[in-house]
Amino acid sequence: MKRYFGSSHDHLEIRSVEPQGHPLPVTKTGYKSLWPVHGEYASAEEAAGAVRDWLEESIGNQEWQEFVTESEQPCLF
């Protein structure tokens, strides 16, 4: 979490590390940039916990489930 000079927002970056750029439940590119209002999270640990909760919540969405299924069983045609 990083606050930018003169901004009333912090910057959070979510990215897949290994493999780099691998899709995540919240982004097909493996990267997501968020700009929460400064002070929305009291600490970096609190922000990380919110991101983990968001990822866990998103695992159940239909689009992500379809991606996982297709990744596990590639189409032969």
Protein backbone atom coordinates (compact mmCIF):
# COMPACT_ATOMS: atom_id res chain seq x y z
CA MET A 1 0.00 0.00 0.00
CA LYS A 2 1.49 3.29 -1.02
CA ARG A 3 0.17 6.83 -0.65
CA TYR A 4 0.92 9.21 -3.46
CA PHE A 5 1.92 12.80 -2.76
CA GLY A 6 -1.02 15.16 -2.99
CA SER A 7 -3.52 12.32 -3.37
CA SER A 8 -6.34 11.34 -1.04
CA HIS A 9 -5.97 7.73 -2.17
CA ASP A 10 -3.59 4.85 -1.56
CA HIS A 11 -2.44 2.49 -4.29
CA LEU A 12 -2.76 -1.29 -4.01
CA GLU A 13 -1.31 -3.61 -6.65
CA ILE A 14 -2.45 -7.21 -6.93
CA ARG A 15 -0.34 -9.38 -9.19
CA SER A 16 0.31 -13.04 -9.77
CA VAL A 17 3.93 -13.89 -9.14
CA GLU A 18 4.41 -17.49 -10.16
CA PRO A 19 3.73 -17.92 -12.94
CA GLN A 20 3.96 -14.22 -13.65
CA GLY A 21 0.88 -12.84 -15.37
CA HIS A 22 -1.25 -15.91 -14.61
CA PRO A 23 -4.96 -15.03 -14.37
CA LEU A 24 -6.45 -14.50 -10.93
CA PRO A 25 -10.13 -14.65 -9.93
CA VAL A 26 -10.28 -10.83 -10.08
CA THR A 27 -8.25 -10.24 -13.26
CA LYS A 28 -7.49 -12.10 -16.47
CA THR A 29 -4.12 -10.39 -16.82
CA GLY A 30 -2.72 -11.33 -13.41
CA TYR A 31 -2.55 -7.64 -12.43
CA LYS A 32 -5.06 -5.36 -10.75
CA SER A 33 -4.56 -1.80 -9.56
CA LEU A 34 -6.85 -0.40 -6.85
CA TRP A 35 -7.07 3.12 -5.44
CA PRO A 36 -8.83 3.00 -2.04
CA VAL A 37 -9.40 6.24 -0.14
CA HIS A 38 -6.47 6.96 2.18
CA GLY A 39 -7.21 5.55 5.60
CA GLU A 40 -9.72 2.95 4.38
CA TYR A 41 -7.26 0.35 5.67
CA ALA A 42 -5.46 1.01 8.94
CA SER A 43 -2.39 -1.01 7.91
CA ALA A 44 -0.85 -2.94 5.06
CA GLU A 45 -1.85 -6.15 6.87
CA GLU A 46 -5.49 -5.04 6.92
CA ALA A 47 -5.36 -4.22 3.19
CA ALA A 48 -3.78 -7.62 2.46
CA GLY A 49 -6.54 -9.32 4.44
CA ALA A 50 -9.20 -7.46 2.45
CA VAL A 51 -7.53 -8.52 -0.81
CA ARG A 52 -7.39 -12.16 0.37
CA ASP A 53 -11.09 -12.02 1.26
CA TRP A 54 -11.90 -10.53 -2.16
CA LEU A 55 -9.90 -13.25 -3.94
CA GLU A 56 -11.56 -16.00 -1.90
CA GLU A 57 -15.00 -14.54 -2.63
CA SER A 58 -14.22 -14.31 -6.36
CA ILE A 59 -13.15 -17.95 -6.60
CA GLY A 60 -16.83 -18.90 -6.70
CA ASN A 61 -17.81 -16.73 -9.68
CA GLN A 62 -18.90 -18.57 -12.82
CA GLU A 63 -16.30 -17.04 -15.15
CA TRP A 64 -13.44 -18.11 -12.86
CA GLN A 65 -14.88 -21.60 -12.44
CA GLU A 66 -15.09 -21.97 -16.23
CA PHE A 67 -11.46 -20.85 -16.57
CA VAL A 68 -10.33 -23.39 -13.96
CA THR A 69 -12.28 -26.20 -15.63
CA GLU A 70 -10.87 -25.35 -19.07
CA SER A 71 -7.35 -25.14 -17.64
CA GLU A 72 -7.62 -28.56 -16.06
CA GLN A 73 -9.25 -30.24 -19.07
CA PRO A 74 -8.21 -28.65 -22.35
CA CYS A 75 -10.60 -28.93 -25.28
CA LEU A 76 -9.37 -31.39 -27.89
CA PHE A 77 -11.37 -29.83 -30.71
